[in-house]
Each structure stands twice: as structure tokens, then as C-alpha cells.
Protein backbone atom coordinates (compact mmCIF):
# COMPACT_ATOMS: atom_id res chain seq x y z
CA MET A 1 0.00 0.00 0.00
CA ALA A 2 1.28 3.45 -0.86
CA HIS A 3 2.25 5.57 2.11
CA LEU A 4 0.27 8.59 3.25
CA VAL A 5 1.53 12.13 3.83
CA ALA A 6 0.08 14.33 6.58
CA PRO A 7 1.24 17.97 6.49
CA SER A 8 1.59 19.35 10.02
CA LEU A 9 -0.31 22.58 10.42
CA LEU A 10 2.00 23.57 13.27
CA ALA A 11 4.35 24.76 10.51
CA ALA A 12 1.65 26.62 8.57
CA ASP A 13 1.44 30.40 8.31
CA PHE A 14 -1.11 31.22 11.01
CA SER A 15 -1.80 34.62 9.49
CA ASN A 16 -2.83 32.81 6.31
CA LEU A 17 -4.25 29.62 7.78
CA GLN A 18 -7.16 29.25 5.37
CA ARG A 19 -4.76 29.63 2.43
CA ASP A 20 -2.56 26.85 3.80
CA ILE A 21 -5.60 24.63 4.46
CA GLU A 22 -6.66 25.09 0.84
CA PHE A 23 -3.09 24.22 -0.21
CA VAL A 24 -3.29 20.91 1.67
CA ASN A 25 -6.72 20.24 0.14
CA SER A 26 -5.28 20.55 -3.35
CA SER A 27 -1.83 18.99 -2.76
CA ASP A 28 -0.58 15.42 -3.21
CA THR A 29 -1.16 14.71 0.48
CA ASP A 30 -3.70 12.70 2.43
CA TRP A 31 -4.43 14.00 5.95
CA PHE A 32 -4.20 17.16 8.03
CA HIS A 33 -1.92 16.58 11.03
CA ILE A 34 -2.89 18.78 13.98
CA ASP A 35 -0.64 18.93 17.05
CA VAL A 36 -2.51 19.91 20.20
CA MET A 37 -0.16 21.05 23.00
CA ASP A 38 -1.13 22.17 26.49
CA GLY A 39 2.09 23.70 27.85
CA VAL A 40 2.17 20.99 30.54
CA PHE A 41 2.88 17.67 28.83
CA VAL A 42 5.11 19.56 26.38
CA PRO A 43 6.73 23.00 26.80
CA ASN A 44 4.60 24.72 24.21
CA ILE A 45 0.96 25.66 23.56
CA SER A 46 -0.64 25.31 20.15
CA PHE A 47 -4.17 25.06 18.79
CA GLY A 48 -7.31 25.53 20.85
CA MET A 49 -10.78 24.24 20.05
CA PRO A 50 -12.01 27.27 18.02
CA VAL A 51 -9.01 27.06 15.69
CA ILE A 52 -9.50 23.31 15.16
CA LYS A 53 -13.18 23.91 14.43
CA ALA A 54 -12.16 26.48 11.79
CA ILE A 55 -9.70 24.01 10.26
CA ALA A 56 -12.37 21.30 10.16
CA ASP A 57 -14.81 23.65 8.46
CA HIS A 58 -12.44 24.08 5.50
CA ALA A 59 -10.58 20.76 5.42
CA LYS A 60 -11.53 18.29 2.70
CA LYS A 61 -9.23 15.55 3.96
CA PRO A 62 -9.24 13.58 7.25
CA LEU A 63 -8.11 15.28 10.46
CA ASP A 64 -5.27 13.43 12.20
CA VAL A 65 -5.18 14.97 15.68
CA HIS A 66 -2.17 14.35 17.92
CA LEU A 67 -2.85 15.17 21.57
CA MET A 68 0.29 16.19 23.48
CA ILE A 69 -1.66 16.89 26.63
CA VAL A 70 -2.11 15.54 30.13
CA ASP A 71 -5.30 13.60 30.92
CA PRO A 72 -6.48 13.34 27.30
CA ASP A 73 -9.55 11.32 28.31
CA ARG A 74 -11.29 14.56 29.27
CA TYR A 75 -11.39 15.68 25.66
CA ILE A 76 -12.00 12.55 23.56
CA GLU A 77 -15.65 13.34 22.89
CA THR A 78 -14.84 17.01 22.27
CA PHE A 79 -12.39 16.13 19.50
CA LYS A 80 -14.88 13.75 17.94
CA ASN A 81 -17.41 16.58 17.85
CA LEU A 82 -14.81 18.86 16.24
CA GLY A 83 -14.56 16.46 13.29
CA THR A 84 -11.49 14.38 14.19
CA ASP A 85 -10.99 11.18 12.18
CA ILE A 86 -7.82 9.82 13.83
CA LEU A 87 -7.08 10.67 17.47
CA SER A 88 -3.67 9.89 18.97
CA VAL A 89 -2.86 10.07 22.67
CA HIS A 90 0.57 9.74 24.27
CA ILE A 91 1.26 6.50 26.09
CA GLU A 92 3.23 8.56 28.62
CA ALA A 93 0.09 10.61 29.43
CA CYS A 94 -2.37 7.72 29.82
CA THR A 95 -2.77 5.82 33.08
CA HIS A 96 -5.33 3.43 31.55
CA LEU A 97 -4.32 3.27 27.90
CA HIS A 98 -6.49 0.26 27.02
CA ARG A 99 -9.60 2.08 28.22
CA THR A 100 -8.64 5.30 26.46
CA LEU A 101 -8.11 3.56 23.12
CA ASN A 102 -11.43 1.79 23.35
CA ALA A 103 -13.16 5.07 24.20
CA ILE A 104 -11.70 6.61 21.02
CA ARG A 105 -12.91 3.71 18.89
CA ASP A 106 -16.32 3.64 20.55
CA LEU A 107 -16.88 7.17 19.25
CA GLY A 108 -16.06 6.11 15.69
CA MET A 109 -12.53 7.50 15.42
CA LYS A 110 -9.36 5.59 14.61
CA SER A 111 -7.30 5.04 17.75
CA GLY A 112 -3.71 6.23 17.81
CA VAL A 113 -0.89 6.00 20.33
CA ALA A 114 2.08 8.37 20.24
CA LEU A 115 5.48 7.41 21.69
CA ASN A 116 8.20 9.83 22.74
CA PRO A 117 11.72 9.05 21.46
CA HIS A 118 12.76 7.38 24.72
CA THR A 119 9.71 5.08 24.94
CA PRO A 120 10.27 1.53 23.60
CA VAL A 121 7.78 0.12 21.10
CA GLU A 122 7.61 -3.04 23.24
CA SER A 123 5.50 -1.05 25.71
CA LEU A 124 2.60 -1.42 23.23
CA LYS A 125 2.56 -5.21 22.97
CA ASP A 126 -0.35 -5.69 25.37
CA VAL A 127 -2.64 -3.21 23.59
CA LEU A 128 -1.79 -3.87 19.93
CA THR A 129 -5.29 -5.10 19.10
CA GLU A 130 -6.76 -1.80 20.31
CA ILE A 131 -4.48 0.33 18.11
CA ASP A 132 -5.11 1.54 14.57
CA LEU A 133 -2.08 3.84 14.34
CA VAL A 134 1.19 4.36 16.20
CA CYS A 135 2.79 7.79 15.98
CA LEU A 136 6.53 7.46 16.57
CA MET A 137 8.02 10.78 17.59
CA SER A 138 11.29 11.18 15.71
CA VAL A 139 12.04 14.43 17.58
CA ASN A 140 11.32 15.43 21.17
CA PRO A 141 7.75 16.77 21.13
CA GLY A 142 6.90 20.39 21.68
CA PHE A 143 8.43 22.35 18.83
CA GLY A 144 8.62 22.12 15.05
CA GLY A 145 11.77 22.28 12.93
CA GLN A 146 13.90 19.86 14.99
CA SER A 147 16.45 17.40 13.62
CA PHE A 148 15.44 13.80 12.97
CA ILE A 149 16.54 11.19 15.54
CA GLU A 150 18.27 8.38 13.61
CA ARG A 151 17.30 5.68 16.12
CA THR A 152 13.75 5.98 14.74
CA TYR A 153 14.52 3.61 11.85
CA GLU A 154 15.15 0.73 14.25
CA LYS A 155 11.96 1.49 16.16
CA VAL A 156 9.96 1.44 12.92
CA LYS A 157 11.38 -1.96 11.97
CA ALA A 158 10.69 -3.39 15.42
CA LEU A 159 7.13 -2.09 15.47
CA ARG A 160 6.40 -3.35 11.94
CA LYS A 161 7.65 -6.78 13.01
CA MET A 162 5.42 -6.72 16.10
CA SER A 163 2.40 -5.75 14.00
CA ASP A 164 3.07 -8.42 11.37
CA GLU A 165 3.65 -11.16 13.93
CA ALA A 166 0.34 -10.29 15.60
CA GLY A 167 -1.42 -10.51 12.23
CA LEU A 168 -2.35 -6.84 12.40
CA ASP A 169 -2.05 -3.98 9.92
CA ILE A 170 -1.23 -1.08 12.21
CA GLN A 171 -0.39 2.19 10.53
CA ILE A 172 3.04 3.48 11.56
CA GLU A 173 3.28 7.25 11.50
CA ILE A 174 6.52 9.21 11.78
CA ASP A 175 6.34 12.70 13.27
CA GLY A 176 9.32 15.03 13.32
CA GLY A 177 12.14 15.89 10.95
CA VAL A 178 10.63 14.10 7.93
CA THR A 179 12.01 15.44 4.65
CA PRO A 180 12.15 14.35 1.00
CA ALA A 181 15.67 13.08 1.80
CA ASN A 182 14.68 10.54 4.48
CA ALA A 183 11.12 9.70 3.44
CA SER A 184 12.09 6.75 1.26
CA ALA A 185 14.20 5.13 4.00
CA LEU A 186 11.34 5.48 6.48
CA VAL A 187 8.89 3.83 4.12
CA LYS A 188 11.39 1.05 3.42
CA ALA A 189 11.74 0.47 7.19
CA GLY A 190 7.97 -0.02 7.47
CA ALA A 191 6.40 3.40 8.02
CA ASN A 192 3.28 4.21 6.02
CA VAL A 193 2.23 7.66 7.29
CA LEU A 194 4.70 10.54 7.13
CA VAL A 195 4.04 13.78 8.99
CA ALA A 196 5.87 16.73 7.48
CA GLY A 197 5.72 20.30 8.70
CA SER A 198 8.66 22.58 8.04
CA SER A 199 9.88 20.49 5.09
CA ILE A 200 6.61 21.27 3.28
CA PHE A 201 5.38 24.64 4.51
CA LYS A 202 8.82 26.28 4.73
CA ALA A 203 10.04 24.89 1.39
CA ALA A 204 10.68 27.20 -1.55
CA ASP A 205 8.06 25.17 -3.44
CA PRO A 206 5.69 23.57 -0.87
CA SER A 207 3.72 21.72 -3.53
CA ALA A 208 6.85 20.12 -4.98
CA ALA A 209 8.08 19.18 -1.50
CA ALA A 210 4.76 17.52 -0.67
CA THR A 211 4.85 15.59 -3.94
CA ALA A 212 8.47 14.50 -3.34
CA ILE A 213 7.57 13.05 0.06
CA LYS A 214 4.46 11.38 -1.37
CA ASN A 215 6.46 9.77 -4.20
CA ALA A 216 9.39 8.69 -2.02
């Protein structure tokens, strides 16, 4: 199956957000990736509910929402009502991950789990059947534009092996430092969703950069 590309709106031009949403709608990409940060779980604050509602009103592709917040269970239904299609929570922020993932699925969304760079993929083995997508952070979460952590390739391979051995088809998403230069190696390792922020929105030709990552 061809891999998907999810431009990260954290790197968009907030003074021209509708323009950048329309760009994603018309580009060779597949999802909108929306990083929600609370200033507690990560040292930054990003989108609030009214902004996400505005994005949803104009988006013509699925919303892939990545919650970098403490106690995400409080907001699962809220994000469903905002139009979220895929909702990812951090394993490090969930005391009862199994219950959280089932709550996401029960509302009709795809369930995602995000892992910080230091968290081993083996920590997911007891909840694999509840997971639709794993978001592997390939930078430390909180800020865009960081350098890719090379260890990510080994984590992708290990997670793909776990998924295959369990007879599952979990989507493996890479978030952080993805560029046209490393996209092909990530897909070869087993990733099938690539989040790209700065490498698309800050490129001299964003459309060409998006297409290069899609065709990697």
C-alpha cells in the first residue's frame, strides 16, 4: 500500500491559515496533522478548540489529531465533535491506555498512540489489538523544525515486526524531521504515514516538497 503524507499545520502560516488549508486540500497529500499542545505535557501551547473547528470547516481531507496533553480522556468526545478522524494520545500521558483507546474507537474514530523518542515500542505489545495507528516521535515533542533522531529507523522496523507477527495492519506514522531526503528510507523500514511540517510549509516550493515526500 502506498504511504500517506500528513502535512503538520504547526508549521503553517497562522496569518494565512485558510490559504494553507486550501493548499493541503489541493496537494498530493492525504491528511491534516494537527498537534494539540497544552504547555504541561510539552513545553509549548498550540491550537485551541475554536481554531480546530475552523480548520475542520475548511478541510476536505481527514483530520489526524495528535494530543500532546495531560489527561487526554477529558477531551476525547470534544475532539470527535470537532470532526477528528484519527485521534492519537501519548502512552506517557495515559494511566489506563487500554480504556482510552477503546473510548476513542467507541466514538467512531481511529485510535492512535504516540510514543516519545525514549519510549520503547515493546511497551505497546499488550494493547496492539486496540491500536489503529502508532505515531513514533522522531524528535522530542513540543516544537517544530527539529532534527530527525536516527534511532527511529530501528523502532519502525521493530514495530512493523510486532504488527506483522500479531497478524495486524497497524499504521506506523513518523512525526518530526521528515524530509524528501529521508522519506524513502522510512517507508522502506515499514512506516506508512509521514508527517511533514517545516519540510513542506517552509520549502521554496511547498507543492513540490509535498509531492516529493508522497512519491518517495
